[in-house]
Amino acid sequence: MVRAKPLGKLEIAGLQGHYRQKGTIGYVKGCGCNTTARLVARGYLEIVQERGKDRFPYYGITPAGEAAWLSIASRIACNSE
């Protein structure tokens, strides 16, 4: 059983970056291997393109990741008002 704890600053920034660049292929600045692995474990990111042997694949946001980001973004907007 995996215990869900709140997303940290890096995970939130990584999720935001992937949400902003959805539909494109590339890396999200600040979302390194460990942050990506934590977001994949939660089901928020998935591999969208393999890059060959010994190369880091490209990841994209999942529908669950989009929903999580929209929820976070709405809370941020409410707290800033």
N, C-alpha and C. Protein backbone atom coordinates (compact mmCIF):
# COMPACT_ATOMS: atom_id res chain seq x y z
N MET A 1 0.84 -1.18 0.00
CA MET A 1 0.00 0.00 0.00
C MET A 1 0.89 1.25 0.00
N VAL A 2 0.57 2.19 -0.85
CA VAL A 2 1.33 3.43 -0.93
C VAL A 2 0.55 4.51 -0.22
N ARG A 3 1.21 5.18 0.68
CA ARG A 3 0.57 6.29 1.38
C ARG A 3 0.71 7.54 0.56
N ALA A 4 -0.40 8.22 0.35
CA ALA A 4 -0.36 9.48 -0.39
C ALA A 4 -0.11 10.62 0.58
N LYS A 5 0.94 11.36 0.32
CA LYS A 5 1.16 12.56 1.09
C LYS A 5 1.04 13.73 0.14
N PRO A 6 0.83 14.92 0.64
CA PRO A 6 0.66 16.06 -0.24
C PRO A 6 1.86 16.24 -1.18
N LEU A 7 1.58 16.78 -2.34
CA LEU A 7 2.65 17.06 -3.29
C LEU A 7 3.56 18.14 -2.72
N GLY A 8 4.84 17.98 -2.94
CA GLY A 8 5.82 18.99 -2.52
C GLY A 8 5.97 20.06 -3.59
N LYS A 9 6.80 21.04 -3.30
CA LYS A 9 7.01 22.15 -4.25
C LYS A 9 7.51 21.67 -5.60
N LEU A 10 8.46 20.73 -5.60
CA LEU A 10 9.00 20.23 -6.86
C LEU A 10 7.94 19.49 -7.68
N GLU A 11 7.14 18.67 -7.02
CA GLU A 11 6.10 17.94 -7.73
C GLU A 11 5.06 18.89 -8.31
N ILE A 12 4.70 19.91 -7.55
CA ILE A 12 3.72 20.89 -8.04
C ILE A 12 4.29 21.64 -9.23
N ALA A 13 5.54 22.07 -9.15
CA ALA A 13 6.17 22.78 -10.27
C ALA A 13 6.28 21.87 -11.49
N GLY A 14 6.64 20.61 -11.28
CA GLY A 14 6.74 19.67 -12.38
C GLY A 14 5.39 19.40 -13.03
N LEU A 15 4.38 19.25 -12.22
CA LEU A 15 3.02 19.03 -12.73
C LEU A 15 2.55 20.24 -13.52
N GLN A 16 2.81 21.43 -13.01
CA GLN A 16 2.45 22.66 -13.72
C GLN A 16 3.16 22.73 -15.07
N GLY A 17 4.44 22.43 -15.08
CA GLY A 17 5.20 22.48 -16.33
C GLY A 17 4.68 21.50 -17.36
N HIS A 18 4.36 20.29 -16.91
CA HIS A 18 3.83 19.29 -17.84
C HIS A 18 2.44 19.69 -18.33
N TYR A 19 1.65 20.31 -17.48
CA TYR A 19 0.32 20.77 -17.90
C TYR A 19 0.45 21.85 -18.97
N ARG A 20 1.36 22.78 -18.75
CA ARG A 20 1.55 23.88 -19.70
C ARG A 20 2.08 23.40 -21.05
N GLN A 21 2.86 22.34 -21.06
CA GLN A 21 3.44 21.90 -22.32
C GLN A 21 2.76 20.67 -22.90
N LYS A 22 1.57 20.33 -22.41
CA LYS A 22 0.90 19.12 -22.91
C LYS A 22 0.71 19.20 -24.42
N GLY A 23 0.86 18.05 -25.04
CA GLY A 23 0.74 17.99 -26.50
C GLY A 23 2.06 18.23 -27.22
N THR A 24 3.12 18.54 -26.49
CA THR A 24 4.42 18.73 -27.09
C THR A 24 5.40 17.71 -26.50
N ILE A 25 6.49 17.52 -27.18
CA ILE A 25 7.51 16.59 -26.72
C ILE A 25 8.71 17.40 -26.25
N GLY A 26 9.18 17.11 -25.08
CA GLY A 26 10.35 17.80 -24.54
C GLY A 26 10.43 17.61 -23.05
N TYR A 27 11.41 18.23 -22.48
CA TYR A 27 11.62 18.14 -21.03
C TYR A 27 11.02 19.34 -20.34
N VAL A 28 10.62 19.15 -19.10
CA VAL A 28 10.11 20.24 -18.27
C VAL A 28 11.25 20.67 -17.36
N LYS A 29 11.60 21.93 -17.44
CA LYS A 29 12.68 22.46 -16.62
C LYS A 29 12.33 22.30 -15.14
N GLY A 30 13.27 21.75 -14.39
CA GLY A 30 13.08 21.57 -12.95
C GLY A 30 12.42 20.26 -12.56
N CYS A 31 12.01 19.48 -13.54
CA CYS A 31 11.36 18.19 -13.25
C CYS A 31 12.34 17.08 -13.60
N GLY A 32 13.23 16.79 -12.68
CA GLY A 32 14.27 15.80 -12.91
C GLY A 32 13.77 14.38 -12.72
N CYS A 33 14.71 13.47 -12.70
CA CYS A 33 14.39 12.03 -12.62
C CYS A 33 13.58 11.67 -11.39
N ASN A 34 13.96 12.17 -10.23
CA ASN A 34 13.27 11.80 -9.00
C ASN A 34 11.86 12.37 -8.94
N THR A 35 11.72 13.63 -9.33
CA THR A 35 10.40 14.26 -9.33
C THR A 35 9.49 13.56 -10.34
N THR A 36 10.01 13.27 -11.52
CA THR A 36 9.24 12.57 -12.53
C THR A 36 8.80 11.20 -12.01
N ALA A 37 9.70 10.48 -11.36
CA ALA A 37 9.36 9.16 -10.83
C ALA A 37 8.23 9.25 -9.81
N ARG A 38 8.25 10.27 -8.95
CA ARG A 38 7.18 10.42 -7.96
C ARG A 38 5.85 10.74 -8.64
N LEU A 39 5.87 11.54 -9.70
CA LEU A 39 4.63 11.88 -10.41
C LEU A 39 4.12 10.67 -11.21
N VAL A 40 5.01 9.87 -11.75
CA VAL A 40 4.61 8.64 -12.45
C VAL A 40 3.97 7.68 -11.45
N ALA A 41 4.56 7.54 -10.27
CA ALA A 41 4.02 6.64 -9.25
C ALA A 41 2.60 7.02 -8.84
N ARG A 42 2.30 8.30 -8.88
CA ARG A 42 0.94 8.76 -8.55
C ARG A 42 -0.01 8.63 -9.73
N GLY A 43 0.53 8.34 -10.91
CA GLY A 43 -0.31 8.23 -12.10
C GLY A 43 -0.54 9.55 -12.80
N TYR A 44 0.26 10.56 -12.48
CA TYR A 44 0.09 11.90 -13.07
C TYR A 44 0.87 12.09 -14.37
N LEU A 45 1.91 11.28 -14.59
CA LEU A 45 2.69 11.33 -15.82
C LEU A 45 2.82 9.92 -16.38
N GLU A 46 3.03 9.85 -17.70
CA GLU A 46 3.28 8.58 -18.36
C GLU A 46 4.26 8.81 -19.50
N ILE A 47 4.93 7.75 -19.90
CA ILE A 47 5.86 7.85 -21.02
C ILE A 47 5.06 8.05 -22.30
N VAL A 48 5.45 9.06 -23.08
CA VAL A 48 4.79 9.30 -24.36
C VAL A 48 5.70 8.97 -25.53
N GLN A 49 7.01 8.90 -25.27
CA GLN A 49 7.92 8.52 -26.34
C GLN A 49 9.22 7.99 -25.75
N GLU A 50 9.58 6.80 -26.18
CA GLU A 50 10.88 6.23 -25.79
C GLU A 50 11.95 6.89 -26.65
N ARG A 51 13.19 6.94 -26.13
CA ARG A 51 14.24 7.60 -26.87
C ARG A 51 15.43 6.70 -27.17
N GLY A 52 15.31 5.44 -26.89
CA GLY A 52 16.41 4.53 -27.18
C GLY A 52 17.16 4.14 -25.93
N LYS A 53 18.13 3.27 -26.13
CA LYS A 53 18.89 2.71 -25.01
C LYS A 53 19.63 3.81 -24.25
N ASP A 54 19.54 3.75 -22.91
CA ASP A 54 20.25 4.65 -22.00
C ASP A 54 19.86 6.12 -22.15
N ARG A 55 18.69 6.39 -22.70
CA ARG A 55 18.22 7.77 -22.82
C ARG A 55 16.92 7.91 -22.05
N PHE A 56 16.77 9.03 -21.38
CA PHE A 56 15.58 9.33 -20.58
C PHE A 56 14.39 9.53 -21.52
N PRO A 57 13.28 8.81 -21.33
CA PRO A 57 12.13 8.97 -22.23
C PRO A 57 11.42 10.31 -21.99
N TYR A 58 10.59 10.66 -22.93
CA TYR A 58 9.75 11.85 -22.78
C TYR A 58 8.48 11.45 -22.04
N TYR A 59 8.03 12.30 -21.14
CA TYR A 59 6.82 12.05 -20.36
C TYR A 59 5.77 13.09 -20.69
N GLY A 60 4.51 12.69 -20.57
CA GLY A 60 3.39 13.60 -20.76
C GLY A 60 2.43 13.46 -19.60
N ILE A 61 1.58 14.44 -19.44
CA ILE A 61 0.62 14.45 -18.33
C ILE A 61 -0.57 13.55 -18.68
N THR A 62 -1.07 12.87 -17.68
CA THR A 62 -2.24 11.99 -17.84
C THR A 62 -3.51 12.79 -17.49
N PRO A 63 -4.68 12.24 -17.80
CA PRO A 63 -5.91 12.91 -17.37
C PRO A 63 -5.96 13.10 -15.84
N ALA A 64 -5.46 12.14 -15.09
CA ALA A 64 -5.42 12.28 -13.63
C ALA A 64 -4.49 13.42 -13.22
N GLY A 65 -3.38 13.56 -13.94
CA GLY A 65 -2.45 14.65 -13.68
C GLY A 65 -3.06 16.01 -14.00
N GLU A 66 -3.80 16.07 -15.10
CA GLU A 66 -4.48 17.32 -15.46
C GLU A 66 -5.49 17.70 -14.37
N ALA A 67 -6.27 16.73 -13.92
CA ALA A 67 -7.26 17.00 -12.88
C ALA A 67 -6.58 17.46 -11.59
N ALA A 68 -5.47 16.82 -11.24
CA ALA A 68 -4.75 17.21 -10.03
C ALA A 68 -4.22 18.64 -10.16
N TRP A 69 -3.66 18.98 -11.34
CA TRP A 69 -3.14 20.34 -11.52
C TRP A 69 -4.27 21.36 -11.46
N LEU A 70 -5.39 21.10 -12.11
CA LEU A 70 -6.50 22.05 -12.08
C LEU A 70 -7.01 22.26 -10.67
N SER A 71 -7.03 21.21 -9.87
CA SER A 71 -7.43 21.33 -8.47
C SER A 71 -6.45 22.21 -7.69
N ILE A 72 -5.17 21.97 -7.91
CA ILE A 72 -4.13 22.78 -7.23
C ILE A 72 -4.21 24.23 -7.68
N ALA A 73 -4.36 24.43 -8.99
CA ALA A 73 -4.42 25.79 -9.53
C ALA A 73 -5.61 26.56 -8.98
N SER A 74 -6.74 25.88 -8.81
CA SER A 74 -7.92 26.56 -8.27
C SER A 74 -7.72 26.95 -6.81
N ARG A 75 -7.03 26.08 -6.05
CA ARG A 75 -6.74 26.41 -4.65
C ARG A 75 -5.77 27.59 -4.56
N ILE A 76 -4.78 27.61 -5.46
CA ILE A 76 -3.82 28.73 -5.47
C ILE A 76 -4.55 30.02 -5.81
N ALA A 77 -5.46 29.97 -6.78
CA ALA A 77 -6.21 31.16 -7.17
C ALA A 77 -7.10 31.66 -6.02
N CYS A 78 -7.73 30.73 -5.31
CA CYS A 78 -8.60 31.13 -4.19
C CYS A 78 -7.80 31.73 -3.04
N ASN A 79 -6.60 31.21 -2.79
CA ASN A 79 -5.78 31.73 -1.71
C ASN A 79 -5.15 33.08 -2.03
N SER A 80 -5.03 33.40 -3.31
CA SER A 80 -4.41 34.66 -3.68
C SER A 80 -5.41 35.82 -3.70
N GLU A 81 -6.68 35.49 -3.61
CA GLU A 81 -7.70 36.55 -3.63
C GLU A 81 -7.89 37.18 -2.29
